[in-house]
């Protein structure tokens, strides 16, 4: 059973799980906040003020996890997870 406290996350989960869209269709952007290369994960500070965990396996080419140091602008999809929402399909944000 998934218990959701944050209304914004509830809306996201409904979009991801209940709308037929499938997982990961909420696309947003943010900045890589921290990277832990030895463990293979990091955190992204999204424009909405929330932080999302990401794993090295979700970083899309040509962006390379090994070259991330923090401060890079990225776009990503939000996926519901039993541990909370996480970033997937992480790629370099397109320039405006």
PDB file of N, CA and C in Angstrom:
ATOM      1  N   UNK A   1       0.846  -1.181   0.000  1.00  0.00           N
ATOM      2  CA  UNK A   1       0.000   0.000   0.000  1.00  0.00           C
ATOM      3  C   UNK A   1       0.884   1.234   0.000  1.00  0.00           C
ATOM      4  N   UNK A   2       0.581   2.181  -0.837  1.00  0.00           N
ATOM      5  CA  UNK A   2       1.340   3.418  -0.953  1.00  0.00           C
ATOM      6  C   UNK A   2       0.605   4.511  -0.202  1.00  0.00           C
ATOM      7  N   UNK A   3       1.256   5.097   0.788  1.00  0.00           N
ATOM      8  CA  UNK A   3       0.661   6.194   1.536  1.00  0.00           C
ATOM      9  C   UNK A   3       1.354   7.478   1.128  1.00  0.00           C
ATOM     10  N   UNK A   4       0.581   8.431   0.669  1.00  0.00           N
ATOM     11  CA  UNK A   4       1.126   9.679   0.165  1.00  0.00           C
ATOM     12  C   UNK A   4       0.679  10.815   1.058  1.00  0.00           C
ATOM     13  N   UNK A   5       1.628  11.641   1.486  1.00  0.00           N
ATOM     14  CA  UNK A   5       1.320  12.761   2.352  1.00  0.00           C
ATOM     15  C   UNK A   5       1.339  14.070   1.572  1.00  0.00           C
ATOM     16  N   UNK A   6       2.290  14.228   0.689  1.00  0.00           N
ATOM     17  CA  UNK A   6       2.474  15.464  -0.073  1.00  0.00           C
ATOM     18  C   UNK A   6       1.470  15.533  -1.232  1.00  0.00           C
ATOM     19  N   UNK A   7       0.606  16.565  -1.285  1.00  0.00           N
ATOM     20  CA  UNK A   7      -0.394  16.654  -2.359  1.00  0.00           C
ATOM     21  C   UNK A   7       0.216  16.701  -3.751  1.00  0.00           C
ATOM     22  N   UNK A   8       1.354  17.358  -3.916  1.00  0.00           N
ATOM     23  CA  UNK A   8       1.996  17.412  -5.235  1.00  0.00           C
ATOM     24  C   UNK A   8       2.449  16.021  -5.657  1.00  0.00           C
ATOM     25  N   UNK A   9       2.983  15.262  -4.711  1.00  0.00           N
ATOM     26  CA  UNK A   9       3.410  13.900  -5.020  1.00  0.00           C
ATOM     27  C   UNK A   9       2.188  13.026  -5.318  1.00  0.00           C
ATOM     28  N   UNK A  10       1.086  13.245  -4.594  1.00  0.00           N
ATOM     29  CA  UNK A  10      -0.133  12.475  -4.839  1.00  0.00           C
ATOM     30  C   UNK A  10      -0.577  12.660  -6.289  1.00  0.00           C
ATOM     31  N   UNK A  11      -0.545  13.905  -6.774  1.00  0.00           N
ATOM     32  CA  UNK A  11      -0.915  14.185  -8.154  1.00  0.00           C
ATOM     33  C   UNK A  11       0.040  13.474  -9.112  1.00  0.00           C
ATOM     34  N   UNK A  12       1.326  13.513  -8.814  1.00  0.00           N
ATOM     35  CA  UNK A  12       2.318  12.853  -9.657  1.00  0.00           C
ATOM     36  C   UNK A  12       2.084  11.357  -9.699  1.00  0.00           C
ATOM     37  N   UNK A  13       1.847  10.749  -8.536  1.00  0.00           N
ATOM     38  CA  UNK A  13       1.620   9.304  -8.485  1.00  0.00           C
ATOM     39  C   UNK A  13       0.366   8.947  -9.270  1.00  0.00           C
ATOM     40  N   UNK A  14      -0.680   9.757  -9.146  1.00  0.00           N
ATOM     41  CA  UNK A  14      -1.909   9.502  -9.884  1.00  0.00           C
ATOM     42  C   UNK A  14      -1.622   9.542 -11.390  1.00  0.00           C
ATOM     43  N   UNK A  15      -0.831  10.511 -11.820  1.00  0.00           N
ATOM     44  CA  UNK A  15      -0.468  10.590 -13.236  1.00  0.00           C
ATOM     45  C   UNK A  15       0.345   9.379 -13.659  1.00  0.00           C
ATOM     46  N   UNK A  16       1.263   8.958 -12.796  1.00  0.00           N
ATOM     47  CA  UNK A  16       2.152   7.865 -13.159  1.00  0.00           C
ATOM     48  C   UNK A  16       1.467   6.506 -13.097  1.00  0.00           C
ATOM     49  N   UNK A  17       0.652   6.299 -12.061  1.00  0.00           N
ATOM     50  CA  UNK A  17       0.092   4.976 -11.852  1.00  0.00           C
ATOM     51  C   UNK A  17      -1.348   4.817 -12.316  1.00  0.00           C
ATOM     52  N   UNK A  18      -2.132   5.890 -12.281  1.00  0.00           N
ATOM     53  CA  UNK A  18      -3.547   5.721 -12.511  1.00  0.00           C
ATOM     54  C   UNK A  18      -4.090   6.282 -13.795  1.00  0.00           C
ATOM     55  N   UNK A  19      -3.303   6.912 -14.592  1.00  0.00           N
ATOM     56  CA  UNK A  19      -3.852   7.582 -15.763  1.00  0.00           C
ATOM     57  C   UNK A  19      -3.676   6.790 -17.052  1.00  0.00           C
ATOM     58  N   UNK A  20      -2.988   5.668 -16.997  1.00  0.00           N
ATOM     59  CA  UNK A  20      -2.735   4.915 -18.210  1.00  0.00           C
ATOM     60  C   UNK A  20      -1.551   5.443 -18.990  1.00  0.00           C
ATOM     61  N   UNK A  21      -0.906   6.474 -18.484  1.00  0.00           N
ATOM     62  CA  UNK A  21       0.249   7.035 -19.186  1.00  0.00           C
ATOM     63  C   UNK A  21       1.491   6.185 -19.003  1.00  0.00           C
ATOM     64  N   UNK A  22       1.521   5.365 -17.976  1.00  0.00           N
ATOM     65  CA  UNK A  22       2.723   4.599 -17.689  1.00  0.00           C
ATOM     66  C   UNK A  22       3.651   5.404 -16.822  1.00  0.00           C
ATOM     67  N   UNK A  23       4.703   4.769 -16.367  1.00  0.00           N
ATOM     68  CA  UNK A  23       5.604   5.455 -15.445  1.00  0.00           C
ATOM     69  C   UNK A  23       6.506   6.436 -16.167  1.00  0.00           C
ATOM     70  N   UNK A  24       6.912   7.467 -15.456  1.00  0.00           N
ATOM     71  CA  UNK A  24       7.925   8.361 -15.951  1.00  0.00           C
ATOM     72  C   UNK A  24       7.496   9.369 -16.979  1.00  0.00           C
ATOM     73  N   UNK A  25       6.229   9.765 -17.026  1.00  0.00           N
ATOM     74  CA  UNK A  25       5.810  10.729 -18.029  1.00  0.00           C
ATOM     75  C   UNK A  25       5.693  12.145 -17.502  1.00  0.00           C
ATOM     76  N   UNK A  26       6.057  12.373 -16.268  1.00  0.00           N
ATOM     77  CA  UNK A  26       6.066  13.726 -15.740  1.00  0.00           C
ATOM     78  C   UNK A  26       7.494  14.237 -15.920  1.00  0.00           C
ATOM     79  N   UNK A  27       7.684  15.121 -16.892  1.00  0.00           N
ATOM     80  CA  UNK A  27       9.015  15.620 -17.210  1.00  0.00           C
ATOM     81  C   UNK A  27       9.200  16.978 -16.558  1.00  0.00           C
ATOM     82  N   UNK A  28      10.332  17.146 -15.919  1.00  0.00           N
ATOM     83  CA  UNK A  28      10.665  18.405 -15.270  1.00  0.00           C
ATOM     84  C   UNK A  28      12.149  18.670 -15.455  1.00  0.00           C
ATOM     85  N   UNK A  29      12.627  19.757 -14.926  1.00  0.00           N
ATOM     86  CA  UNK A  29      14.052  20.059 -15.032  1.00  0.00           C
ATOM     87  C   UNK A  29      14.570  20.520 -13.685  1.00  0.00           C
ATOM     88  N   UNK A  30      15.885  20.542 -13.578  1.00  0.00           N
ATOM     89  CA  UNK A  30      16.521  20.947 -12.340  1.00  0.00           C
ATOM     90  C   UNK A  30      18.023  20.990 -12.507  1.00  0.00           C
ATOM     91  N   UNK A  31      18.689  20.987 -11.375  1.00  0.00           N
ATOM     92  CA  UNK A  31      20.140  21.074 -11.348  1.00  0.00           C
ATOM     93  C   UNK A  31      20.693  19.930 -10.512  1.00  0.00           C
ATOM     94  N   UNK A  32      21.738  19.283 -11.003  1.00  0.00           N
ATOM     95  CA  UNK A  32      22.384  18.234 -10.226  1.00  0.00           C
ATOM     96  C   UNK A  32      22.954  18.887  -8.976  1.00  0.00           C
ATOM     97  N   UNK A  33      22.540  18.386  -7.825  1.00  0.00           N
ATOM     98  CA  UNK A  33      22.956  18.978  -6.554  1.00  0.00           C
ATOM     99  C   UNK A  33      24.201  18.286  -6.010  1.00  0.00           C
ATOM    100  N   UNK A  34      24.132  16.982  -5.870  1.00  0.00           N
ATOM    101  CA  UNK A  34      25.277  16.220  -5.381  1.00  0.00           C
ATOM    102  C   UNK A  34      25.415  14.935  -6.181  1.00  0.00           C
ATOM    103  N   UNK A  35      26.649  14.457  -6.272  1.00  0.00           N
ATOM    104  CA  UNK A  35      26.953  13.202  -6.950  1.00  0.00           C
ATOM    105  C   UNK A  35      27.880  12.408  -6.047  1.00  0.00           C
ATOM    106  N   UNK A  36      27.576  11.125  -5.880  1.00  0.00           N
ATOM    107  CA  UNK A  36      28.414  10.219  -5.090  1.00  0.00           C
ATOM    108  C   UNK A  36      28.940   9.135  -6.032  1.00  0.00           C
ATOM    109  N   UNK A  37      30.043   9.444  -6.746  1.00  0.00           N
ATOM    110  CA  UNK A  37      30.530   8.538  -7.792  1.00  0.00           C
ATOM    111  C   UNK A  37      30.911   7.156  -7.274  1.00  0.00           C
ATOM    112  N   UNK A  38      31.434   7.079  -6.060  1.00  0.00           N
ATOM    113  CA  UNK A  38      31.847   5.783  -5.523  1.00  0.00           C
ATOM    114  C   UNK A  38      30.656   4.869  -5.266  1.00  0.00           C
ATOM    115  N   UNK A  39      29.488   5.450  -5.014  1.00  0.00           N
ATOM    116  CA  UNK A  39      28.277   4.664  -4.756  1.00  0.00           C
ATOM    117  C   UNK A  39      27.337   4.618  -5.954  1.00  0.00           C
ATOM    118  N   UNK A  40      27.547   5.492  -6.939  1.00  0.00           N
ATOM    119  CA  UNK A  40      26.759   5.468  -8.154  1.00  0.00           C
ATOM    120  C   UNK A  40      25.396   6.132  -8.084  1.00  0.00           C
ATOM    121  N   UNK A  41      25.262   7.139  -7.240  1.00  0.00           N
ATOM    122  CA  UNK A  41      23.987   7.848  -7.176  1.00  0.00           C
ATOM    123  C   UNK A  41      24.200   9.325  -6.919  1.00  0.00           C
ATOM    124  N   UNK A  42      23.130  10.086  -7.021  1.00  0.00           N
ATOM    125  CA  UNK A  42      23.183  11.508  -6.753  1.00  0.00           C
ATOM    126  C   UNK A  42      21.800  12.058  -6.508  1.00  0.00           C
ATOM    127  N   UNK A  43      21.719  13.376  -6.372  1.00  0.00           N
ATOM    128  CA  UNK A  43      20.444  14.055  -6.130  1.00  0.00           C
ATOM    129  C   UNK A  43      20.317  15.246  -7.061  1.00  0.00           C
ATOM    130  N   UNK A  44      19.090  15.466  -7.513  1.00  0.00           N
ATOM    131  CA  UNK A  44      18.771  16.595  -8.377  1.00  0.00           C
ATOM    132  C   UNK A  44      17.841  17.524  -7.624  1.00  0.00           C
ATOM    133  N   UNK A  45      18.154  18.822  -7.618  1.00  0.00           N
ATOM    134  CA  UNK A  45      17.272  19.843  -7.055  1.00  0.00           C
ATOM    135  C   UNK A  45      16.373  20.312  -8.196  1.00  0.00           C
ATOM    136  N   UNK A  46      15.085  19.973  -8.117  1.00  0.00           N
ATOM    137  CA  UNK A  46      14.140  20.326  -9.180  1.00  0.00           C
ATOM    138  C   UNK A  46      13.701  21.772  -9.052  1.00  0.00           C
ATOM    139  N   UNK A  47      13.127  22.295 -10.120  1.00  0.00           N
ATOM    140  CA  UNK A  47      12.634  23.667 -10.119  1.00  0.00           C
ATOM    141  C   UNK A  47      11.516  23.863  -9.112  1.00  0.00           C
ATOM    142  N   UNK A  48      10.797  22.790  -8.756  1.00  0.00           N
ATOM    143  CA  UNK A  48       9.712  22.903  -7.794  1.00  0.00           C
ATOM    144  C   UNK A  48      10.209  22.917  -6.341  1.00  0.00           C
ATOM    145  N   UNK A  49      11.543  22.903  -6.152  1.00  0.00           N
ATOM    146  CA  UNK A  49      12.121  22.969  -4.814  1.00  0.00           C
ATOM    147  C   UNK A  49      12.340  21.617  -4.156  1.00  0.00           C
ATOM    148  N   UNK A  50      11.932  20.535  -4.787  1.00  0.00           N
ATOM    149  CA  UNK A  50      12.113  19.200  -4.223  1.00  0.00           C
ATOM    150  C   UNK A  50      13.398  18.583  -4.740  1.00  0.00           C
ATOM    151  N   UNK A  51      13.893  17.615  -3.999  1.00  0.00           N
ATOM    152  CA  UNK A  51      15.084  16.880  -4.414  1.00  0.00           C
ATOM    153  C   UNK A  51      14.688  15.464  -4.800  1.00  0.00           C
ATOM    154  N   UNK A  52      15.322  14.961  -5.856  1.00  0.00           N
ATOM    155  CA  UNK A  52      15.044  13.620  -6.345  1.00  0.00           C
ATOM    156  C   UNK A  52      16.334  12.829  -6.450  1.00  0.00           C
ATOM    157  N   UNK A  53      16.299  11.606  -5.951  1.00  0.00           N
ATOM    158  CA  UNK A  53      17.399  10.651  -6.040  1.00  0.00           C
ATOM    159  C   UNK A  53      17.497  10.155  -7.481  1.00  0.00           C
ATOM    160  N   UNK A  54      18.712   9.907  -7.954  1.00  0.00           N
ATOM    161  CA  UNK A  54      18.897   9.228  -9.237  1.00  0.00           C
ATOM    162  C   UNK A  54      20.089   8.296  -9.143  1.00  0.00           C
ATOM    163  N   UNK A  55      20.063   7.242  -9.945  1.00  0.00           N
ATOM    164  CA  UNK A  55      21.132   6.240  -9.998  1.00  0.00           C
ATOM    165  C   UNK A  55      21.884   6.376 -11.314  1.00  0.00           C
ATOM    166  N   UNK A  56      23.127   5.994 -11.321  1.00  0.00           N
ATOM    167  CA  UNK A  56      23.953   6.113 -12.528  1.00  0.00           C
ATOM    168  C   UNK A  56      23.328   5.459 -13.744  1.00  0.00           C
ATOM    169  N   UNK A  57      22.535   4.420 -13.567  1.00  0.00           N
ATOM    170  CA  UNK A  57      21.941   3.690 -14.683  1.00  0.00           C
ATOM    171  C   UNK A  57      20.848   4.442 -15.430  1.00  0.00           C
ATOM    172  N   UNK A  58      20.359   5.551 -14.882  1.00  0.00           N
ATOM    173  CA  UNK A  58      19.269   6.290 -15.539  1.00  0.00           C
ATOM    174  C   UNK A  58      19.767   7.508 -16.310  1.00  0.00           C
ATOM    175  N   UNK A  59      21.074   7.751 -16.296  1.00  0.00           N
ATOM    176  CA  UNK A  59      21.651   8.899 -17.008  1.00  0.00           C
ATOM    177  C   UNK A  59      21.752   8.543 -18.489  1.00  0.00           C
ATOM    178  N   UNK A  60      21.175   9.389 -19.333  1.00  0.00           N
ATOM    179  CA  UNK A  60      21.105   9.143 -20.771  1.00  0.00           C
ATOM    180  C   UNK A  60      22.278   9.795 -21.505  1.00  0.00           C
ATOM    181  N   UNK A  61      22.804   9.118 -22.497  1.00  0.00           N
ATOM    182  CA  UNK A  61      23.873   9.663 -23.343  1.00  0.00           C
ATOM    183  C   UNK A  61      23.357  10.855 -24.118  1.00  0.00           C
ATOM    184  N   UNK A  62      24.136  11.848 -24.398  1.00  0.00           N
ATOM    185  CA  UNK A  62      25.578  11.947 -24.237  1.00  0.00           C
ATOM    186  C   UNK A  62      26.020  12.386 -22.840  1.00  0.00           C
ATOM    187  N   UNK A  63      25.086  12.655 -21.932  1.00  0.00           N
ATOM    188  CA  UNK A  63      25.458  12.973 -20.558  1.00  0.00           C
ATOM    189  C   UNK A  63      26.072  11.733 -19.937  1.00  0.00           C
ATOM    190  N   UNK A  64      27.164  11.875 -19.207  1.00  0.00           N
ATOM    191  CA  UNK A  64      27.871  10.746 -18.619  1.00  0.00           C
ATOM    192  C   UNK A  64      27.943  10.916 -17.104  1.00  0.00           C
ATOM    193  N   UNK A  65      27.481   9.916 -16.368  1.00  0.00           N
ATOM    194  CA  UNK A  65      27.486   9.975 -14.909  1.00  0.00           C
ATOM    195  C   UNK A  65      28.880  10.285 -14.374  1.00  0.00           C
ATOM    196  N   UNK A  66      29.884   9.695 -14.971  1.00  0.00           N
ATOM    197  CA  UNK A  66      31.262   9.864 -14.502  1.00  0.00           C
ATOM    198  C   UNK A  66      31.744  11.309 -14.622  1.00  0.00           C
ATOM    199  N   UNK A  67      31.109  12.109 -15.473  1.00  0.00           N
ATOM    200  CA  UNK A  67      31.516  13.501 -15.668  1.00  0.00           C
ATOM    201  C   UNK A  67      30.684  14.493 -14.858  1.00  0.00           C
ATOM    202  N   UNK A  68      29.701  14.010 -14.098  1.00  0.00           N
ATOM    203  CA  UNK A  68      28.858  14.902 -13.298  1.00  0.00           C
ATOM    204  C   UNK A  68      29.571  15.308 -12.011  1.00  0.00           C
ATOM    205  N   UNK A  69      29.554  16.588 -11.710  1.00  0.00           N
ATOM    206  CA  UNK A  69      30.163  17.079 -10.480  1.00  0.00           C
ATOM    207  C   UNK A  69      29.198  17.931  -9.669  1.00  0.00           C
ATOM    208  N   UNK A  70      28.065  18.250 -10.237  1.00  0.00           N
ATOM    209  CA  UNK A  70      27.086  19.120  -9.589  1.00  0.00           C
ATOM    210  C   UNK A  70      27.000  20.440 -10.323  1.00  0.00           C
ATOM    211  N   UNK A  71      25.792  20.991 -10.380  1.00  0.00           N
ATOM    212  CA  UNK A  71      25.576  22.251 -11.061  1.00  0.00           C
ATOM    213  C   UNK A  71      25.090  22.113 -12.490  1.00  0.00           C
ATOM    214  N   UNK A  72      25.122  20.903 -13.054  1.00  0.00           N
ATOM    215  CA  UNK A  72      24.662  20.693 -14.420  1.00  0.00           C
ATOM    216  C   UNK A  72      23.140  20.806 -14.484  1.00  0.00           C
ATOM    217  N   UNK A  73      22.636  21.487 -15.515  1.00  0.00           N
ATOM    218  CA  UNK A  73      21.187  21.586 -15.740  1.00  0.00           C
ATOM    219  C   UNK A  73      20.738  20.315 -16.453  1.00  0.00           C
ATOM    220  N   UNK A  74      19.706  19.675 -15.918  1.00  0.00           N
ATOM    221  CA  UNK A  74      19.209  18.425 -16.486  1.00  0.00           C
ATOM    222  C   UNK A  74      17.688  18.441 -16.585  1.00  0.00           C
ATOM    223  N   UNK A  75      17.170  17.606 -17.455  1.00  0.00           N
ATOM    224  CA  UNK A  75      15.743  17.330 -17.481  1.00  0.00           C
ATOM    225  C   UNK A  75      15.597  15.858 -17.116  1.00  0.00           C
ATOM    226  N   UNK A  76      14.449  15.512 -16.552  1.00  0.00           N
ATOM    227  CA  UNK A  76      14.249  14.141 -16.096  1.00  0.00           C
ATOM    228  C   UNK A  76      12.768  13.857 -15.943  1.00  0.00           C
ATOM    229  N   UNK A  77      12.469  12.572 -15.837  1.00  0.00           N
ATOM    230  CA  UNK A  77      11.117  12.123 -15.574  1.00  0.00           C
ATOM    231  C   UNK A  77      11.050  11.663 -14.127  1.00  0.00           C
ATOM    232  N   UNK A  78       9.877  11.756 -13.538  1.00  0.00           N
ATOM    233  CA  UNK A  78       9.686  11.350 -12.152  1.00  0.00           C
ATOM    234  C   UNK A  78       8.972  10.008 -12.144  1.00  0.00           C
ATOM    235  N   UNK A  79       9.544   9.071 -11.407  1.00  0.00           N
ATOM    236  CA  UNK A  79       8.978   7.734 -11.301  1.00  0.00           C
ATOM    237  C   UNK A  79       8.613   7.453  -9.851  1.00  0.00           C
ATOM    238  N   UNK A  80       7.437   6.901  -9.630  1.00  0.00           N
ATOM    239  CA  UNK A  80       7.033   6.497  -8.286  1.00  0.00           C
ATOM    240  C   UNK A  80       7.836   5.258  -7.897  1.00  0.00           C
ATOM    241  N   UNK A  81       8.229   5.206  -6.634  1.00  0.00           N
ATOM    242  CA  UNK A  81       9.041   4.116  -6.131  1.00  0.00           C
ATOM    243  C   UNK A  81       8.598   3.856  -4.700  1.00  0.00           C
ATOM    244  N   UNK A  82       8.803   2.666  -4.198  1.00  0.00           N
ATOM    245  CA  UNK A  82       8.396   2.359  -2.823  1.00  0.00           C
ATOM    246  C   UNK A  82       9.148   3.214  -1.799  1.00  0.00           C
ATOM    247  N   UNK A  83      10.324   3.716  -2.158  1.00  0.00           N
ATOM    248  CA  UNK A  83      11.099   4.589  -1.266  1.00  0.00           C
ATOM    249  C   UNK A  83      10.799   6.064  -1.499  1.00  0.00           C
ATOM    250  N   UNK A  84       9.895   6.371  -2.405  1.00  0.00           N
ATOM    251  CA  UNK A  84       9.568   7.754  -2.740  1.00  0.00           C
ATOM    252  C   UNK A  84       9.862   8.017  -4.198  1.00  0.00           C
ATOM    253  N   UNK A  85       9.516   9.191  -4.682  1.00  0.00           N
ATOM    254  CA  UNK A  85       9.741   9.485  -6.100  1.00  0.00           C
ATOM    255  C   UNK A  85      11.233   9.578  -6.407  1.00  0.00           C
ATOM    256  N   UNK A  86      11.595   9.168  -7.616  1.00  0.00           N
ATOM    257  CA  UNK A  86      12.998   9.265  -8.034  1.00  0.00           C
ATOM    258  C   UNK A  86      13.066   9.745  -9.468  1.00  0.00           C
ATOM    259  N   UNK A  87      14.225  10.258  -9.836  1.00  0.00           N
ATOM    260  CA  UNK A  87      14.455  10.752 -11.193  1.00  0.00           C
ATOM    261  C   UNK A  87      14.913   9.594 -12.082  1.00  0.00           C
ATOM    262  N   UNK A  88      14.343   9.540 -13.282  1.00  0.00           N
ATOM    263  CA  UNK A  88      14.768   8.581 -14.297  1.00  0.00           C
ATOM    264  C   UNK A  88      14.896   9.330 -15.623  1.00  0.00           C
ATOM    265  N   UNK A  89      15.496   8.698 -16.611  1.00  0.00           N
ATOM    266  CA  UNK A  89      15.681   9.315 -17.934  1.00  0.00           C
ATOM    267  C   UNK A  89      16.349  10.681 -17.804  1.00  0.00           C
ATOM    268  N   UNK A  90      17.403  10.748 -17.014  1.00  0.00           N
ATOM    269  CA  UNK A  90      18.117  12.007 -16.765  1.00  0.00           C
ATOM    270  C   UNK A  90      18.967  12.346 -17.993  1.00  0.00           C
ATOM    271  N   UNK A  91      18.755  13.551 -18.519  1.00  0.00           N
ATOM    272  CA  UNK A  91      19.514  13.996 -19.687  1.00  0.00           C
ATOM    273  C   UNK A  91      19.852  15.470 -19.555  1.00  0.00           C
ATOM    274  N   UNK A  92      20.782  15.933 -20.365  1.00  0.00           N
ATOM    275  CA  UNK A  92      21.155  17.336 -20.352  1.00  0.00           C
ATOM    276  C   UNK A  92      19.950  18.170 -20.753  1.00  0.00           C
ATOM    277  N   UNK A  93      19.677  19.243 -19.993  1.00  0.00           N
ATOM    278  CA  UNK A  93      18.549  20.126 -20.304  1.00  0.00           C
ATOM    279  C   UNK A  93      18.835  20.863 -21.597  1.00  0.00           C
ATOM    280  N   UNK A  94      17.822  20.973 -22.425  1.00  0.00           N
ATOM    281  CA  UNK A  94      17.993  21.695 -23.684  1.00  0.00           C
ATOM    282  C   UNK A  94      18.093  23.188 -23.404  1.00  0.00           C
ATOM    283  N   UNK A  95      18.913  23.870 -24.156  1.00  0.00           N
ATOM    284  CA  UNK A  95      19.100  25.310 -23.989  1.00  0.00           C
ATOM    285  C   UNK A  95      17.869  26.036 -24.509  1.00  0.00           C
ATOM    286  N   UNK A  96      17.490  27.100 -23.818  1.00  0.00           N
ATOM    287  CA  UNK A  96      16.327  27.888 -24.235  1.00  0.00           C
ATOM    288  C   UNK A  96      16.726  28.959 -25.206  1.00  0.00           C
TER     289      UNK A  96
END
